[in-house]
């Protein structure tokens, strides 16, 4: 399902680029198609984020790290739910941009603001959770750390280094 939603996103963005180019260079009235295609892409993003928030088997995205550093922080449920509300409100506004009454436009704007707020709060909670996990791993004894994270050899390597240096018991 994620693959289908990503194909819809890419198709929506491709249609937008083509309609924008036709409108810009060919002077064709394609603004409605461009706005509709961006709306479809945003709704597909919202549905994918909603699926990531609800279904644990779906792959969650990573928060973008600072330049030159590897990604170490996965998006949590609250942040992906906030992003889905934000992109859903944005996409539905674009899809119905001519026919949307003022009241529903205001409701969509409020929903987008709430979604953005949830996304920001979720990101700070994700960062806090990652920092807490790092602190907990450092404070655990080596053997507990290995049990907590199977497949890692850091603890074994560290234990062997301490024994070689004569610092271990």
N, C-alpha and C. Protein backbone atom coordinates (compact mmCIF):
# COMPACT_ATOMS: atom_id res chain seq x y z
N UNK A 1 0.82 -1.19 0.00
CA UNK A 1 0.00 0.00 0.00
C UNK A 1 0.86 1.26 0.00
N UNK A 2 1.98 1.21 0.74
CA UNK A 2 2.87 2.37 0.74
C UNK A 2 3.40 2.65 -0.65
N UNK A 3 3.72 1.61 -1.37
CA UNK A 3 4.25 1.77 -2.72
C UNK A 3 3.22 2.44 -3.63
N UNK A 4 1.96 2.04 -3.51
CA UNK A 4 0.90 2.64 -4.33
C UNK A 4 0.76 4.12 -3.99
N UNK A 5 0.77 4.46 -2.72
CA UNK A 5 0.65 5.85 -2.33
C UNK A 5 1.83 6.68 -2.82
N UNK A 6 3.01 6.10 -2.81
CA UNK A 6 4.18 6.84 -3.31
C UNK A 6 4.11 7.02 -4.82
N UNK A 7 3.56 6.05 -5.52
CA UNK A 7 3.37 6.21 -6.97
C UNK A 7 2.36 7.33 -7.24
N UNK A 8 1.29 7.39 -6.45
CA UNK A 8 0.30 8.46 -6.61
C UNK A 8 0.95 9.82 -6.33
N UNK A 9 1.80 9.89 -5.32
CA UNK A 9 2.50 11.15 -5.01
C UNK A 9 3.35 11.60 -6.19
N UNK A 10 4.15 10.68 -6.71
CA UNK A 10 5.04 11.02 -7.82
C UNK A 10 4.23 11.40 -9.06
N UNK A 11 3.14 10.67 -9.32
CA UNK A 11 2.30 10.99 -10.47
C UNK A 11 1.67 12.37 -10.31
N UNK A 12 1.19 12.69 -9.12
CA UNK A 12 0.61 14.01 -8.88
C UNK A 12 1.62 15.12 -9.09
N UNK A 13 2.84 14.91 -8.61
CA UNK A 13 3.88 15.93 -8.79
C UNK A 13 4.30 16.04 -10.26
N UNK A 14 4.34 14.91 -10.98
CA UNK A 14 4.68 14.94 -12.40
C UNK A 14 3.62 15.69 -13.20
N UNK A 15 2.35 15.43 -12.91
CA UNK A 15 1.28 16.15 -13.60
C UNK A 15 1.37 17.64 -13.28
N UNK A 16 1.69 17.98 -12.05
CA UNK A 16 1.85 19.39 -11.69
C UNK A 16 2.95 20.04 -12.51
N UNK A 17 4.10 19.38 -12.61
CA UNK A 17 5.23 19.97 -13.35
C UNK A 17 4.87 20.16 -14.82
N UNK A 18 4.22 19.16 -15.42
CA UNK A 18 3.83 19.27 -16.83
C UNK A 18 2.79 20.38 -17.02
N UNK A 19 1.80 20.43 -16.15
CA UNK A 19 0.77 21.46 -16.32
C UNK A 19 1.33 22.86 -16.04
N UNK A 20 2.26 22.96 -15.10
CA UNK A 20 2.89 24.25 -14.86
C UNK A 20 3.69 24.69 -16.08
N UNK A 21 4.47 23.75 -16.65
CA UNK A 21 5.27 24.09 -17.83
C UNK A 21 4.37 24.47 -19.00
N UNK A 22 3.28 23.75 -19.22
CA UNK A 22 2.35 24.11 -20.29
C UNK A 22 1.74 25.48 -20.06
N UNK A 23 1.40 25.77 -18.84
CA UNK A 23 0.82 27.07 -18.53
C UNK A 23 1.82 28.20 -18.64
N UNK A 24 3.06 27.93 -18.27
CA UNK A 24 4.08 28.98 -18.28
C UNK A 24 4.59 29.26 -19.69
N UNK A 25 4.91 28.20 -20.43
CA UNK A 25 5.49 28.39 -21.75
C UNK A 25 4.46 28.44 -22.87
N UNK A 26 3.37 27.71 -22.73
CA UNK A 26 2.41 27.63 -23.82
C UNK A 26 1.21 28.52 -23.64
N UNK A 27 1.13 29.19 -22.50
CA UNK A 27 0.01 30.08 -22.21
C UNK A 27 -1.34 29.38 -22.25
N UNK A 28 -1.34 28.10 -21.83
CA UNK A 28 -2.59 27.35 -21.72
C UNK A 28 -3.17 27.55 -20.33
N UNK A 29 -4.48 27.59 -20.19
CA UNK A 29 -5.06 27.74 -18.84
C UNK A 29 -5.08 26.41 -18.10
N UNK A 30 -3.98 26.08 -17.45
CA UNK A 30 -3.86 24.79 -16.77
C UNK A 30 -3.78 24.95 -15.26
N UNK A 31 -4.15 26.09 -14.73
CA UNK A 31 -3.99 26.30 -13.29
C UNK A 31 -4.85 25.33 -12.48
N UNK A 32 -6.04 25.01 -12.95
CA UNK A 32 -6.92 24.09 -12.22
C UNK A 32 -6.29 22.69 -12.14
N UNK A 33 -5.70 22.24 -13.23
CA UNK A 33 -5.05 20.92 -13.24
C UNK A 33 -3.84 20.91 -12.31
N UNK A 34 -3.09 22.00 -12.32
CA UNK A 34 -1.91 22.09 -11.46
C UNK A 34 -2.30 22.05 -9.99
N UNK A 35 -3.31 22.82 -9.62
CA UNK A 35 -3.75 22.87 -8.23
C UNK A 35 -4.34 21.52 -7.82
N UNK A 36 -5.11 20.90 -8.70
CA UNK A 36 -5.71 19.59 -8.41
C UNK A 36 -4.64 18.52 -8.23
N UNK A 37 -3.60 18.55 -9.07
CA UNK A 37 -2.55 17.53 -8.95
C UNK A 37 -1.74 17.69 -7.67
N UNK A 38 -1.48 18.92 -7.26
CA UNK A 38 -0.79 19.14 -5.98
C UNK A 38 -1.67 18.65 -4.83
N UNK A 39 -2.97 18.88 -4.93
CA UNK A 39 -3.90 18.40 -3.91
C UNK A 39 -3.89 16.88 -3.81
N UNK A 40 -3.87 16.20 -4.95
CA UNK A 40 -3.84 14.74 -4.95
C UNK A 40 -2.54 14.24 -4.33
N UNK A 41 -1.41 14.87 -4.66
CA UNK A 41 -0.13 14.47 -4.07
C UNK A 41 -0.13 14.69 -2.55
N UNK A 42 -0.70 15.81 -2.10
CA UNK A 42 -0.73 16.08 -0.66
C UNK A 42 -1.64 15.10 0.08
N UNK A 43 -2.76 14.72 -0.52
CA UNK A 43 -3.65 13.74 0.11
C UNK A 43 -2.96 12.37 0.16
N UNK A 44 -2.21 12.01 -0.88
CA UNK A 44 -1.47 10.75 -0.86
C UNK A 44 -0.41 10.76 0.25
N UNK A 45 0.26 11.89 0.43
CA UNK A 45 1.23 12.02 1.53
C UNK A 45 0.52 11.86 2.87
N UNK A 46 -0.65 12.50 2.99
CA UNK A 46 -1.41 12.41 4.25
C UNK A 46 -1.83 10.98 4.54
N UNK A 47 -2.28 10.26 3.53
CA UNK A 47 -2.69 8.87 3.74
C UNK A 47 -1.51 7.99 4.12
N UNK A 48 -0.36 8.23 3.51
CA UNK A 48 0.82 7.44 3.88
C UNK A 48 1.25 7.74 5.32
N UNK A 49 1.25 9.00 5.69
CA UNK A 49 1.61 9.35 7.06
C UNK A 49 0.61 8.79 8.06
N UNK A 50 -0.66 8.80 7.71
CA UNK A 50 -1.69 8.24 8.59
C UNK A 50 -1.45 6.74 8.77
N UNK A 51 -1.11 6.05 7.68
CA UNK A 51 -0.79 4.63 7.78
C UNK A 51 0.43 4.37 8.63
N UNK A 52 1.45 5.24 8.51
CA UNK A 52 2.65 5.09 9.34
C UNK A 52 2.33 5.29 10.81
N UNK A 53 1.40 6.18 11.10
CA UNK A 53 1.04 6.44 12.50
C UNK A 53 0.22 5.29 13.07
N UNK A 54 -0.63 4.65 12.27
CA UNK A 54 -1.54 3.63 12.78
C UNK A 54 -0.99 2.21 12.73
N UNK A 55 -0.25 1.88 11.67
CA UNK A 55 0.19 0.51 11.47
C UNK A 55 1.68 0.38 11.75
N UNK A 56 2.06 -0.37 12.78
CA UNK A 56 3.48 -0.47 13.13
C UNK A 56 4.32 -1.18 12.07
N UNK A 57 3.71 -1.99 11.20
CA UNK A 57 4.49 -2.71 10.19
C UNK A 57 4.88 -1.82 9.01
N UNK A 58 4.28 -0.64 8.90
CA UNK A 58 4.67 0.30 7.84
C UNK A 58 5.98 0.96 8.22
N UNK A 59 6.84 1.18 7.24
CA UNK A 59 8.12 1.83 7.50
C UNK A 59 7.89 3.30 7.81
N UNK A 60 8.43 3.75 8.93
CA UNK A 60 8.34 5.16 9.28
C UNK A 60 9.54 5.90 8.72
N UNK A 61 9.33 7.16 8.43
CA UNK A 61 10.39 7.99 7.90
C UNK A 61 11.34 8.42 9.01
N UNK A 62 12.48 8.97 8.60
CA UNK A 62 13.47 9.48 9.52
C UNK A 62 13.40 10.99 9.52
N UNK A 63 13.66 11.60 10.68
CA UNK A 63 13.80 13.05 10.71
C UNK A 63 15.09 13.40 10.01
N UNK A 64 15.09 14.48 9.27
CA UNK A 64 16.27 14.88 8.51
C UNK A 64 17.35 15.35 9.48
N UNK A 65 18.53 14.72 9.42
CA UNK A 65 19.61 15.11 10.34
C UNK A 65 20.33 16.35 9.82
N UNK A 66 21.16 16.98 10.65
CA UNK A 66 22.00 18.07 10.15
C UNK A 66 22.92 17.55 9.05
N UNK A 67 23.35 18.42 8.19
CA UNK A 67 24.16 18.02 7.04
C UNK A 67 25.44 17.32 7.48
N UNK A 68 25.71 16.18 6.88
CA UNK A 68 26.90 15.42 7.17
C UNK A 68 26.75 14.40 8.29
N UNK A 69 25.60 14.34 8.92
CA UNK A 69 25.38 13.37 9.99
C UNK A 69 24.37 12.33 9.54
N UNK A 70 24.49 11.09 10.02
CA UNK A 70 23.53 10.05 9.64
C UNK A 70 22.20 10.24 10.38
N UNK A 71 21.14 9.76 9.76
CA UNK A 71 19.82 9.84 10.39
C UNK A 71 19.77 8.87 11.56
N UNK A 72 19.36 9.36 12.70
CA UNK A 72 19.30 8.52 13.90
C UNK A 72 17.96 8.59 14.59
N UNK A 73 17.02 9.35 14.07
CA UNK A 73 15.77 9.59 14.77
C UNK A 73 14.58 9.28 13.86
N UNK A 74 13.83 8.25 14.22
CA UNK A 74 12.63 7.91 13.46
C UNK A 74 11.47 8.77 13.90
N UNK A 75 10.57 9.05 12.97
CA UNK A 75 9.36 9.81 13.28
C UNK A 75 8.45 8.95 14.16
N UNK A 76 7.93 9.53 15.21
CA UNK A 76 7.03 8.83 16.11
C UNK A 76 5.59 8.91 15.62
N UNK A 77 4.69 8.28 16.38
CA UNK A 77 3.29 8.25 15.99
C UNK A 77 2.66 9.63 16.02
N UNK A 78 2.96 10.42 17.03
CA UNK A 78 2.34 11.74 17.14
C UNK A 78 2.79 12.66 16.01
N UNK A 79 4.07 12.62 15.68
CA UNK A 79 4.56 13.49 14.61
C UNK A 79 4.01 13.07 13.25
N UNK A 80 3.91 11.75 12.99
CA UNK A 80 3.35 11.33 11.70
C UNK A 80 1.84 11.60 11.64
N UNK A 81 1.14 11.47 12.76
CA UNK A 81 -0.28 11.81 12.77
C UNK A 81 -0.48 13.31 12.52
N UNK A 82 0.33 14.15 13.14
CA UNK A 82 0.26 15.58 12.89
C UNK A 82 0.55 15.93 11.45
N UNK A 83 1.56 15.27 10.87
CA UNK A 83 1.87 15.53 9.46
C UNK A 83 0.73 15.08 8.56
N UNK A 84 0.08 13.98 8.90
CA UNK A 84 -1.03 13.52 8.06
C UNK A 84 -2.20 14.49 8.13
N UNK A 85 -2.48 15.04 9.30
CA UNK A 85 -3.56 16.03 9.42
C UNK A 85 -3.19 17.29 8.63
N UNK A 86 -1.95 17.73 8.75
CA UNK A 86 -1.50 18.93 8.05
C UNK A 86 -1.61 18.75 6.53
N UNK A 87 -1.02 17.67 6.00
CA UNK A 87 -1.05 17.46 4.56
C UNK A 87 -2.44 17.13 4.05
N UNK A 88 -3.25 16.46 4.87
CA UNK A 88 -4.62 16.17 4.46
C UNK A 88 -5.44 17.44 4.32
N UNK A 89 -5.33 18.35 5.29
CA UNK A 89 -6.05 19.62 5.20
C UNK A 89 -5.57 20.44 4.01
N UNK A 90 -4.26 20.45 3.79
CA UNK A 90 -3.70 21.18 2.66
C UNK A 90 -4.18 20.59 1.34
N UNK A 91 -4.13 19.26 1.21
CA UNK A 91 -4.54 18.61 -0.03
C UNK A 91 -6.02 18.79 -0.33
N UNK A 92 -6.86 18.64 0.68
CA UNK A 92 -8.30 18.81 0.45
C UNK A 92 -8.63 20.27 0.11
N UNK A 93 -7.88 21.20 0.67
CA UNK A 93 -8.08 22.60 0.31
C UNK A 93 -7.70 22.84 -1.15
N UNK A 94 -6.60 22.26 -1.60
CA UNK A 94 -6.21 22.41 -3.00
C UNK A 94 -7.19 21.73 -3.95
N UNK A 95 -7.66 20.55 -3.57
CA UNK A 95 -8.58 19.82 -4.46
C UNK A 95 -9.88 20.60 -4.66
N UNK A 96 -10.36 21.22 -3.61
CA UNK A 96 -11.64 21.93 -3.72
C UNK A 96 -11.45 23.43 -3.63
N UNK A 97 -10.40 23.95 -4.26
CA UNK A 97 -10.05 25.35 -4.03
C UNK A 97 -11.05 26.33 -4.61
N UNK A 98 -11.79 26.00 -5.64
CA UNK A 98 -12.80 26.91 -6.19
C UNK A 98 -14.14 26.80 -5.48
N UNK A 99 -14.49 25.60 -5.06
CA UNK A 99 -15.82 25.35 -4.51
C UNK A 99 -15.87 25.39 -2.98
N UNK A 100 -14.78 25.65 -2.33
CA UNK A 100 -14.72 25.59 -0.87
C UNK A 100 -15.37 26.83 -0.24
N UNK A 101 -16.43 26.66 0.55
CA UNK A 101 -17.01 27.82 1.25
C UNK A 101 -16.02 28.38 2.27
N UNK A 102 -16.25 29.63 2.65
CA UNK A 102 -15.33 30.30 3.58
C UNK A 102 -15.24 29.57 4.92
N UNK A 103 -16.35 29.09 5.41
CA UNK A 103 -16.35 28.40 6.70
C UNK A 103 -15.48 27.15 6.65
N UNK A 104 -15.63 26.35 5.59
CA UNK A 104 -14.81 25.14 5.48
C UNK A 104 -13.35 25.48 5.24
N UNK A 105 -13.09 26.58 4.57
CA UNK A 105 -11.71 27.03 4.40
C UNK A 105 -11.07 27.35 5.74
N UNK A 106 -11.84 28.00 6.62
CA UNK A 106 -11.34 28.29 7.96
C UNK A 106 -11.12 27.03 8.77
N UNK A 107 -12.04 26.07 8.63
CA UNK A 107 -11.89 24.79 9.35
C UNK A 107 -10.64 24.07 8.86
N UNK A 108 -10.41 24.08 7.54
CA UNK A 108 -9.21 23.43 7.00
C UNK A 108 -7.95 24.12 7.49
N UNK A 109 -8.00 25.45 7.60
CA UNK A 109 -6.83 26.18 8.09
C UNK A 109 -6.55 25.83 9.56
N UNK A 110 -7.59 25.76 10.37
CA UNK A 110 -7.42 25.40 11.77
C UNK A 110 -6.89 23.96 11.89
N UNK A 111 -7.43 23.05 11.08
CA UNK A 111 -6.95 21.66 11.10
C UNK A 111 -5.48 21.60 10.70
N UNK A 112 -5.08 22.39 9.70
CA UNK A 112 -3.68 22.43 9.30
C UNK A 112 -2.78 22.95 10.39
N UNK A 113 -3.25 23.97 11.11
CA UNK A 113 -2.46 24.53 12.22
C UNK A 113 -2.34 23.51 13.35
N UNK A 114 -3.43 22.82 13.65
CA UNK A 114 -3.39 21.79 14.70
C UNK A 114 -2.45 20.66 14.29
N UNK A 115 -2.53 20.24 13.03
CA UNK A 115 -1.63 19.19 12.54
C UNK A 115 -0.17 19.61 12.62
N UNK A 116 0.11 20.86 12.24
CA UNK A 116 1.49 21.35 12.32
C UNK A 116 1.97 21.39 13.77
N UNK A 117 1.09 21.81 14.68
CA UNK A 117 1.44 21.83 16.10
C UNK A 117 1.72 20.43 16.63
N UNK A 118 0.88 19.47 16.26
CA UNK A 118 1.12 18.07 16.68
C UNK A 118 2.44 17.56 16.13
N UNK A 119 2.75 17.93 14.90
CA UNK A 119 4.00 17.50 14.29
C UNK A 119 5.19 18.07 15.06
N UNK A 120 5.13 19.34 15.44
CA UNK A 120 6.23 19.96 16.19
C UNK A 120 6.38 19.34 17.58
N UNK A 121 5.27 19.14 18.27
CA UNK A 121 5.32 18.51 19.60
C UNK A 121 5.85 17.08 19.47
N UNK A 122 5.39 16.36 18.44
CA UNK A 122 5.86 14.99 18.22
C UNK A 122 7.35 14.93 17.96
N UNK A 123 7.88 15.90 17.20
CA UNK A 123 9.32 15.90 16.94
C UNK A 123 10.11 16.12 18.22
N UNK A 124 9.64 17.04 19.06
CA UNK A 124 10.38 17.26 20.31
C UNK A 124 10.30 16.02 21.21
N UNK A 125 9.15 15.34 21.23
CA UNK A 125 9.05 14.10 22.00
C UNK A 125 9.95 13.01 21.43
N UNK A 126 10.05 12.95 20.09
CA UNK A 126 10.93 11.96 19.46
C UNK A 126 12.39 12.23 19.84
N UNK A 127 12.79 13.50 19.83
CA UNK A 127 14.16 13.84 20.22
C UNK A 127 14.42 13.48 21.68
N UNK A 128 13.46 13.80 22.53
CA UNK A 128 13.60 13.49 23.96
C UNK A 128 13.71 11.98 24.17
N UNK A 129 12.89 11.21 23.45
CA UNK A 129 12.94 9.75 23.57
C UNK A 129 14.29 9.22 23.11
N UNK A 130 14.83 9.76 22.02
CA UNK A 130 16.12 9.29 21.51
C UNK A 130 17.24 9.63 22.49
N UNK A 131 17.21 10.83 23.07
CA UNK A 131 18.23 11.20 24.05
C UNK A 131 18.13 10.34 25.29
N UNK A 132 16.91 10.03 25.72
CA UNK A 132 16.71 9.17 26.89
C UNK A 132 17.24 7.77 26.63
N UNK A 133 17.01 7.25 25.42
CA UNK A 133 17.53 5.93 25.08
C UNK A 133 19.05 5.90 25.08
N UNK A 134 19.67 6.98 24.59
CA UNK A 134 21.13 7.04 24.60
C UNK A 134 21.67 7.05 26.03
N UNK A 135 21.03 7.83 26.90
CA UNK A 135 21.48 7.89 28.30
C UNK A 135 21.28 6.55 28.99
N UNK A 136 20.16 5.89 28.73
CA UNK A 136 19.90 4.59 29.35
C UNK A 136 20.90 3.55 28.89
N UNK A 137 21.27 3.58 27.61
CA UNK A 137 22.25 2.61 27.11
C UNK A 137 23.61 2.81 27.75
N UNK A 138 24.01 4.06 27.96
CA UNK A 138 25.32 4.33 28.54
C UNK A 138 25.38 3.92 30.01
N UNK A 139 24.26 3.99 30.70
CA UNK A 139 24.27 3.69 32.12
C UNK A 139 24.09 2.19 32.41
N UNK A 140 23.70 1.39 31.42
CA UNK A 140 23.51 -0.04 31.64
C UNK A 140 24.85 -0.76 31.66
N UNK A 141 24.96 -1.82 32.44
CA UNK A 141 26.16 -2.65 32.34
C UNK A 141 26.26 -3.27 30.95
N UNK A 142 27.43 -3.73 30.59
CA UNK A 142 27.67 -4.21 29.23
C UNK A 142 26.75 -5.36 28.88
N UNK A 143 26.59 -6.33 29.74
CA UNK A 143 25.79 -7.50 29.39
C UNK A 143 24.31 -7.14 29.23
N UNK A 144 23.79 -6.24 30.05
CA UNK A 144 22.39 -5.82 29.89
C UNK A 144 22.22 -5.05 28.59
N UNK A 145 23.22 -4.27 28.24
CA UNK A 145 23.14 -3.50 27.01
C UNK A 145 23.07 -4.45 25.81
N UNK A 146 23.82 -5.54 25.86
CA UNK A 146 23.77 -6.51 24.77
C UNK A 146 22.41 -7.19 24.70
N UNK A 147 21.82 -7.50 25.84
CA UNK A 147 20.51 -8.13 25.84
C UNK A 147 19.45 -7.17 25.32
N UNK A 148 19.61 -5.91 25.60
CA UNK A 148 18.65 -4.91 25.16
C UNK A 148 18.72 -4.72 23.65
N UNK A 149 19.91 -4.79 23.08
CA UNK A 149 20.09 -4.56 21.66
C UNK A 149 20.84 -5.74 21.05
N UNK A 150 20.14 -6.82 20.72
CA UNK A 150 20.83 -7.98 20.16
C UNK A 150 21.43 -7.66 18.80
N UNK A 151 22.54 -8.32 18.50
CA UNK A 151 23.20 -8.12 17.23
C UNK A 151 24.31 -7.08 17.28
N UNK A 152 24.39 -6.30 18.33
CA UNK A 152 25.45 -5.31 18.47
C UNK A 152 26.65 -5.95 19.15
N UNK A 153 27.82 -5.57 18.74
CA UNK A 153 29.03 -6.13 19.33
C UNK A 153 29.82 -5.09 20.09
N UNK A 154 29.28 -3.90 20.25
CA UNK A 154 30.02 -2.84 20.93
C UNK A 154 30.40 -3.25 22.34
N UNK A 155 29.47 -3.86 23.07
CA UNK A 155 29.74 -4.25 24.44
C UNK A 155 30.83 -5.30 24.53
N UNK A 156 30.83 -6.27 23.62
CA UNK A 156 31.83 -7.32 23.62
C UNK A 156 33.20 -6.73 23.30
N UNK A 157 33.25 -5.87 22.32
CA UNK A 157 34.53 -5.26 21.97
C UNK A 157 35.05 -4.43 23.14
N UNK A 158 34.18 -3.68 23.78
CA UNK A 158 34.59 -2.86 24.91
C UNK A 158 35.07 -3.74 26.07
N UNK A 159 34.39 -4.86 26.32
CA UNK A 159 34.78 -5.75 27.40
C UNK A 159 36.15 -6.37 27.11
N UNK A 160 36.41 -6.77 25.86
CA UNK A 160 37.71 -7.34 25.51
C UNK A 160 38.82 -6.30 25.63
N UNK A 161 38.53 -5.05 25.25
CA UNK A 161 39.55 -3.99 25.34
C UNK A 161 39.92 -3.75 26.79
N UNK A 162 38.94 -3.74 27.69
CA UNK A 162 39.22 -3.51 29.12
C UNK A 162 40.05 -4.66 29.68
N UNK A 163 39.77 -5.92 29.27
CA UNK A 163 40.54 -7.07 29.77
C UNK A 163 41.98 -7.02 29.27
N UNK A 164 42.17 -6.58 27.99
CA UNK A 164 43.53 -6.50 27.45
C UNK A 164 44.35 -5.44 28.16
N UNK A 165 43.72 -4.34 28.53
CA UNK A 165 44.42 -3.27 29.21
C UNK A 165 44.67 -3.58 30.67
N UNK A 166 44.07 -4.66 31.16
CA UNK A 166 44.27 -5.04 32.55
C UNK A 166 43.35 -4.37 33.52
N UNK A 167 42.35 -3.67 33.02
CA UNK A 167 41.43 -2.95 33.89
C UNK A 167 40.25 -3.79 34.31
N UNK A 168 40.06 -4.92 33.65
CA UNK A 168 38.88 -5.74 33.99
C UNK A 168 39.16 -6.73 35.07
N UNK A 169 38.15 -7.35 35.61
CA UNK A 169 38.34 -8.32 36.68
C UNK A 169 38.44 -9.72 36.15
